[in-house]
Amino acid sequence: MSVKLNSDGSCIQGRCGGGGLIRNSFGNVLFAYCINLGPGTSNIAKMVVLLFGLKWCPNRGFSKV
């Protein structure tokens, strides 16, 4: 089964975080997540949040992301 991953991360005044959604082919949400990352940059936040979602998918049997 293929899934779609949407994620975003950001930093405001040095505090970073982000989250994402994983949806099936019908648009139904399979998993939603939010991560507090502490200090950093927006680029790092975006990458860490995306990587979290990409690691979650194969661990749950979703190989097509």
PDB file of N, CA and C in Angstrom:
ATOM      1  N   MET A   1       0.838  -1.174   0.000  1.00  0.00           N
ATOM      2  CA  MET A   1       0.000   0.000   0.000  1.00  0.00           C
ATOM      3  C   MET A   1       0.887   1.243   0.000  1.00  0.00           C
ATOM      4  N   SER A   2       0.533   2.209  -0.801  1.00  0.00           N
ATOM      5  CA  SER A   2       1.284   3.454  -0.818  1.00  0.00           C
ATOM      6  C   SER A   2       0.633   4.464   0.120  1.00  0.00           C
ATOM      7  N   VAL A   3       1.466   5.330   0.690  1.00  0.00           N
ATOM      8  CA  VAL A   3       0.995   6.373   1.590  1.00  0.00           C
ATOM      9  C   VAL A   3       1.638   7.690   1.190  1.00  0.00           C
ATOM     10  N   LYS A   4       1.020   8.782   1.631  1.00  0.00           N
ATOM     11  CA  LYS A   4       1.549  10.115   1.380  1.00  0.00           C
ATOM     12  C   LYS A   4       1.946  10.725   2.711  1.00  0.00           C
ATOM     13  N   LEU A   5       3.145  11.300   2.738  1.00  0.00           N
ATOM     14  CA  LEU A   5       3.677  11.928   3.940  1.00  0.00           C
ATOM     15  C   LEU A   5       3.777  13.426   3.715  1.00  0.00           C
ATOM     16  N   ASN A   6       3.129  14.190   4.581  1.00  0.00           N
ATOM     17  CA  ASN A   6       3.267  15.642   4.591  1.00  0.00           C
ATOM     18  C   ASN A   6       3.887  16.025   5.922  1.00  0.00           C
ATOM     19  N   SER A   7       4.941  16.838   5.891  1.00  0.00           N
ATOM     20  CA  SER A   7       5.578  17.256   7.130  1.00  0.00           C
ATOM     21  C   SER A   7       6.089  18.679   6.990  1.00  0.00           C
ATOM     22  N   ASP A   8       6.306  19.310   8.134  1.00  0.00           N
ATOM     23  CA  ASP A   8       6.892  20.642   8.145  1.00  0.00           C
ATOM     24  C   ASP A   8       7.498  20.889   9.517  1.00  0.00           C
ATOM     25  N   GLY A   9       8.569  21.636   9.518  1.00  0.00           N
ATOM     26  CA  GLY A   9       9.221  22.018  10.753  1.00  0.00           C
ATOM     27  C   GLY A   9       9.569  23.491  10.700  1.00  0.00           C
ATOM     28  N   SER A  10       9.701  24.109  11.856  1.00  0.00           N
ATOM     29  CA  SER A  10      10.057  25.527  11.894  1.00  0.00           C
ATOM     30  C   SER A  10      10.683  25.872  13.233  1.00  0.00           C
ATOM     31  N   CYS A  11      11.273  27.071  13.274  1.00  0.00           N
ATOM     32  CA  CYS A  11      11.858  27.600  14.497  1.00  0.00           C
ATOM     33  C   CYS A  11      11.352  29.018  14.713  1.00  0.00           C
ATOM     34  N   ILE A  12      10.995  29.317  15.942  1.00  0.00           N
ATOM     35  CA  ILE A  12      10.592  30.661  16.327  1.00  0.00           C
ATOM     36  C   ILE A  12      11.384  31.031  17.571  1.00  0.00           C
ATOM     37  N   GLN A  13      12.156  32.086  17.475  1.00  0.00           N
ATOM     38  CA  GLN A  13      12.998  32.555  18.575  1.00  0.00           C
ATOM     39  C   GLN A  13      13.882  31.442  19.133  1.00  0.00           C
ATOM     40  N   GLY A  14      14.446  30.631  18.241  1.00  0.00           N
ATOM     41  CA  GLY A  14      15.370  29.578  18.630  1.00  0.00           C
ATOM     42  C   GLY A  14      14.742  28.288  19.124  1.00  0.00           C
ATOM     43  N   ARG A  15      13.418  28.232  19.212  1.00  0.00           N
ATOM     44  CA  ARG A  15      12.729  27.008  19.645  1.00  0.00           C
ATOM     45  C   ARG A  15      12.146  26.325  18.410  1.00  0.00           C
ATOM     46  N   CYS A  16      12.502  25.064  18.208  1.00  0.00           N
ATOM     47  CA  CYS A  16      12.115  24.350  16.994  1.00  0.00           C
ATOM     48  C   CYS A  16      11.150  23.206  17.276  1.00  0.00           C
ATOM     49  N   GLY A  17      10.384  22.885  16.274  1.00  0.00           N
ATOM     50  CA  GLY A  17       9.453  21.774  16.349  1.00  0.00           C
ATOM     51  C   GLY A  17       8.846  21.531  14.992  1.00  0.00           C
ATOM     52  N   GLY A  18       7.961  20.575  14.930  1.00  0.00           N
ATOM     53  CA  GLY A  18       7.303  20.274  13.665  1.00  0.00           C
ATOM     54  C   GLY A  18       6.391  19.086  13.809  1.00  0.00           C
ATOM     55  N   GLY A  19       5.833  18.696  12.701  1.00  0.00           N
ATOM     56  CA  GLY A  19       4.925  17.567  12.721  1.00  0.00           C
ATOM     57  C   GLY A  19       4.610  17.100  11.326  1.00  0.00           C
ATOM     58  N   GLY A  20       3.749  16.101  11.266  1.00  0.00           N
ATOM     59  CA  GLY A  20       3.399  15.563   9.968  1.00  0.00           C
ATOM     60  C   GLY A  20       2.155  14.693  10.016  1.00  0.00           C
ATOM     61  N   LEU A  21       1.705  14.366   8.816  1.00  0.00           N
ATOM     62  CA  LEU A  21       0.560  13.475   8.614  1.00  0.00           C
ATOM     63  C   LEU A  21       0.942  12.405   7.612  1.00  0.00           C
ATOM     64  N   ILE A  22       0.465  11.204   7.850  1.00  0.00           N
ATOM     65  CA  ILE A  22       0.617  10.119   6.885  1.00  0.00           C
ATOM     66  C   ILE A  22      -0.784   9.684   6.513  1.00  0.00           C
ATOM     67  N   ARG A  23      -1.058   9.713   5.199  1.00  0.00           N
ATOM     68  CA  ARG A  23      -2.403   9.415   4.700  1.00  0.00           C
ATOM     69  C   ARG A  23      -2.363   8.251   3.715  1.00  0.00           C
ATOM     70  N   ASN A  24      -3.480   7.540   3.636  1.00  0.00           N
ATOM     71  CA  ASN A  24      -3.584   6.469   2.647  1.00  0.00           C
ATOM     72  C   ASN A  24      -4.024   7.055   1.304  1.00  0.00           C
ATOM     73  N   SER A  25      -4.235   6.205   0.313  1.00  0.00           N
ATOM     74  CA  SER A  25      -4.577   6.676  -1.028  1.00  0.00           C
ATOM     75  C   SER A  25      -5.962   7.318  -1.110  1.00  0.00           C
ATOM     76  N   PHE A  26      -6.773   7.150  -0.078  1.00  0.00           N
ATOM     77  CA  PHE A  26      -8.095   7.779  -0.033  1.00  0.00           C
ATOM     78  C   PHE A  26      -8.070   9.107   0.724  1.00  0.00           C
ATOM     79  N   GLY A  27      -6.913   9.470   1.261  1.00  0.00           N
ATOM     80  CA  GLY A  27      -6.778  10.707   2.012  1.00  0.00           C
ATOM     81  C   GLY A  27      -7.075  10.577   3.482  1.00  0.00           C
ATOM     82  N   ASN A  28      -7.337   9.361   3.947  1.00  0.00           N
ATOM     83  CA  ASN A  28      -7.609   9.144   5.373  1.00  0.00           C
ATOM     84  C   ASN A  28      -6.312   9.197   6.168  1.00  0.00           C
ATOM     85  N   VAL A  29      -6.335   9.875   7.299  1.00  0.00           N
ATOM     86  CA  VAL A  29      -5.142   9.995   8.137  1.00  0.00           C
ATOM     87  C   VAL A  29      -4.882   8.666   8.847  1.00  0.00           C
ATOM     88  N   LEU A  30      -3.666   8.150   8.657  1.00  0.00           N
ATOM     89  CA  LEU A  30      -3.246   6.914   9.326  1.00  0.00           C
ATOM     90  C   LEU A  30      -2.451   7.216  10.588  1.00  0.00           C
ATOM     91  N   PHE A  31      -1.728   8.336  10.561  1.00  0.00           N
ATOM     92  CA  PHE A  31      -0.864   8.686  11.684  1.00  0.00           C
ATOM     93  C   PHE A  31      -0.566  10.175  11.633  1.00  0.00           C
ATOM     94  N   ALA A  32      -0.597  10.817  12.766  1.00  0.00           N
ATOM     95  CA  ALA A  32      -0.222  12.230  12.883  1.00  0.00           C
ATOM     96  C   ALA A  32       0.784  12.344  14.019  1.00  0.00           C
ATOM     97  N   TYR A  33       1.760  13.216  13.855  1.00  0.00           N
ATOM     98  CA  TYR A  33       2.778  13.370  14.881  1.00  0.00           C
ATOM     99  C   TYR A  33       3.221  14.823  15.017  1.00  0.00           C
ATOM    100  N   CYS A  34       3.712  15.126  16.204  1.00  0.00           N
ATOM    101  CA  CYS A  34       4.222  16.454  16.536  1.00  0.00           C
ATOM    102  C   CYS A  34       5.467  16.246  17.388  1.00  0.00           C
ATOM    103  N   ILE A  35       6.540  16.969  17.062  1.00  0.00           N
ATOM    104  CA  ILE A  35       7.809  16.766  17.749  1.00  0.00           C
ATOM    105  C   ILE A  35       8.353  18.111  18.236  1.00  0.00           C
ATOM    106  N   ASN A  36       8.714  18.183  19.501  1.00  0.00           N
ATOM    107  CA  ASN A  36       9.413  19.342  20.043  1.00  0.00           C
ATOM    108  C   ASN A  36      10.902  19.067  19.915  1.00  0.00           C
ATOM    109  N   LEU A  37      11.638  19.935  19.214  1.00  0.00           N
ATOM    110  CA  LEU A  37      13.046  19.679  18.934  1.00  0.00           C
ATOM    111  C   LEU A  37      14.009  20.545  19.726  1.00  0.00           C
ATOM    112  N   GLY A  38      13.521  21.537  20.442  1.00  0.00           N
ATOM    113  CA  GLY A  38      14.413  22.406  21.202  1.00  0.00           C
ATOM    114  C   GLY A  38      15.137  23.386  20.300  1.00  0.00           C
ATOM    115  N   PRO A  39      16.348  23.807  20.656  1.00  0.00           N
ATOM    116  CA  PRO A  39      17.063  24.806  19.860  1.00  0.00           C
ATOM    117  C   PRO A  39      17.574  24.228  18.550  1.00  0.00           C
ATOM    118  N   GLY A  40      17.709  25.102  17.553  1.00  0.00           N
ATOM    119  CA  GLY A  40      18.224  24.672  16.260  1.00  0.00           C
ATOM    120  C   GLY A  40      17.877  25.667  15.168  1.00  0.00           C
ATOM    121  N   THR A  41      17.821  25.165  13.940  1.00  0.00           N
ATOM    122  CA  THR A  41      17.475  26.001  12.792  1.00  0.00           C
ATOM    123  C   THR A  41      16.259  25.412  12.084  1.00  0.00           C
ATOM    124  N   SER A  42      15.621  26.219  11.263  1.00  0.00           N
ATOM    125  CA  SER A  42      14.441  25.750  10.525  1.00  0.00           C
ATOM    126  C   SER A  42      14.782  24.593   9.595  1.00  0.00           C
ATOM    127  N   ASN A  43      15.936  24.669   8.930  1.00  0.00           N
ATOM    128  CA  ASN A  43      16.315  23.589   8.008  1.00  0.00           C
ATOM    129  C   ASN A  43      16.503  22.268   8.738  1.00  0.00           C
ATOM    130  N   ILE A  44      17.146  22.312   9.897  1.00  0.00           N
ATOM    131  CA  ILE A  44      17.321  21.086  10.684  1.00  0.00           C
ATOM    132  C   ILE A  44      15.967  20.563  11.136  1.00  0.00           C
ATOM    133  N   ALA A  45      15.091  21.445  11.585  1.00  0.00           N
ATOM    134  CA  ALA A  45      13.763  21.026  12.038  1.00  0.00           C
ATOM    135  C   ALA A  45      12.999  20.333  10.913  1.00  0.00           C
ATOM    136  N   LYS A  46      13.022  20.905   9.719  1.00  0.00           N
ATOM    137  CA  LYS A  46      12.326  20.299   8.576  1.00  0.00           C
ATOM    138  C   LYS A  46      12.879  18.908   8.269  1.00  0.00           C
ATOM    139  N   MET A  47      14.202  18.768   8.311  1.00  0.00           N
ATOM    140  CA  MET A  47      14.812  17.469   7.998  1.00  0.00           C
ATOM    141  C   MET A  47      14.505  16.415   9.062  1.00  0.00           C
ATOM    142  N   VAL A  48      14.579  16.798  10.343  1.00  0.00           N
ATOM    143  CA  VAL A  48      14.341  15.839  11.424  1.00  0.00           C
ATOM    144  C   VAL A  48      12.890  15.349  11.406  1.00  0.00           C
ATOM    145  N   VAL A  49      11.959  16.262  11.181  1.00  0.00           N
ATOM    146  CA  VAL A  49      10.544  15.901  11.156  1.00  0.00           C
ATOM    147  C   VAL A  49      10.233  14.994   9.962  1.00  0.00           C
ATOM    148  N   LEU A  50      10.823  15.289   8.803  1.00  0.00           N
ATOM    149  CA  LEU A  50      10.641  14.435   7.632  1.00  0.00           C
ATOM    150  C   LEU A  50      11.242  13.052   7.870  1.00  0.00           C
ATOM    151  N   LEU A  51      12.439  13.005   8.418  1.00  0.00           N
ATOM    152  CA  LEU A  51      13.092  11.722   8.689  1.00  0.00           C
ATOM    153  C   LEU A  51      12.280  10.871   9.657  1.00  0.00           C
ATOM    154  N   PHE A  52      11.674  11.493  10.662  1.00  0.00           N
ATOM    155  CA  PHE A  52      10.824  10.749  11.597  1.00  0.00           C
ATOM    156  C   PHE A  52       9.706  10.041  10.838  1.00  0.00           C
ATOM    157  N   GLY A  53       9.028  10.763   9.951  1.00  0.00           N
ATOM    158  CA  GLY A  53       7.943  10.169   9.166  1.00  0.00           C
ATOM    159  C   GLY A  53       8.434   9.077   8.229  1.00  0.00           C
ATOM    160  N   LEU A  54       9.581   9.308   7.605  1.00  0.00           N
ATOM    161  CA  LEU A  54      10.130   8.306   6.684  1.00  0.00           C
ATOM    162  C   LEU A  54      10.549   7.032   7.416  1.00  0.00           C
ATOM    163  N   LYS A  55      10.989   7.146   8.641  1.00  0.00           N
ATOM    164  CA  LYS A  55      11.340   5.957   9.423  1.00  0.00           C
ATOM    165  C   LYS A  55      10.094   5.235   9.933  1.00  0.00           C
ATOM    166  N   TRP A  56       9.043   5.986  10.236  1.00  0.00           N
ATOM    167  CA  TRP A  56       7.812   5.395  10.760  1.00  0.00           C
ATOM    168  C   TRP A  56       7.177   4.479   9.724  1.00  0.00           C
ATOM    169  N   CYS A  57       7.159   4.901   8.483  1.00  0.00           N
ATOM    170  CA  CYS A  57       6.430   4.163   7.437  1.00  0.00           C
ATOM    171  C   CYS A  57       6.901   2.715   7.249  1.00  0.00           C
ATOM    172  N   PRO A  58       8.166   2.453   6.968  1.00  0.00           N
ATOM    173  CA  PRO A  58       8.564   1.052   6.769  1.00  0.00           C
ATOM    174  C   PRO A  58       8.432   0.204   8.038  1.00  0.00           C
ATOM    175  N   ASN A  59       8.551   0.832   9.199  1.00  0.00           N
ATOM    176  CA  ASN A  59       8.362   0.086  10.454  1.00  0.00           C
ATOM    177  C   ASN A  59       6.935  -0.401  10.616  1.00  0.00           C
ATOM    178  N   ARG A  60       5.986   0.202   9.885  1.00  0.00           N
ATOM    179  CA  ARG A  60       4.587  -0.197   9.938  1.00  0.00           C
ATOM    180  C   ARG A  60       4.148  -0.921   8.661  1.00  0.00           C
ATOM    181  N   GLY A  61       5.104  -1.265   7.790  1.00  0.00           N
ATOM    182  CA  GLY A  61       4.794  -2.044   6.591  1.00  0.00           C
ATOM    183  C   GLY A  61       4.480  -1.224   5.355  1.00  0.00           C
ATOM    184  N   PHE A  62       4.694   0.071   5.387  1.00  0.00           N
ATOM    185  CA  PHE A  62       4.431   0.923   4.226  1.00  0.00           C
ATOM    186  C   PHE A  62       5.750   1.176   3.509  1.00  0.00           C
ATOM    187  N   SER A  63       5.945   0.558   2.362  1.00  0.00           N
ATOM    188  CA  SER A  63       7.211   0.685   1.643  1.00  0.00           C
ATOM    189  C   SER A  63       7.152   1.734   0.535  1.00  0.00           C
ATOM    190  N   LYS A  64       5.962   2.126   0.123  1.00  0.00           N
ATOM    191  CA  LYS A  64       5.816   3.141  -0.930  1.00  0.00           C
ATOM    192  C   LYS A  64       5.352   4.446  -0.281  1.00  0.00           C
ATOM    193  N   VAL A  65       6.287   5.381  -0.140  1.00  0.00           N
ATOM    194  CA  VAL A  65       5.960   6.657   0.509  1.00  0.00           C
ATOM    195  C   VAL A  65       6.104   7.765  -0.512  1.00  0.00           C
TER     196      VAL A  65
END
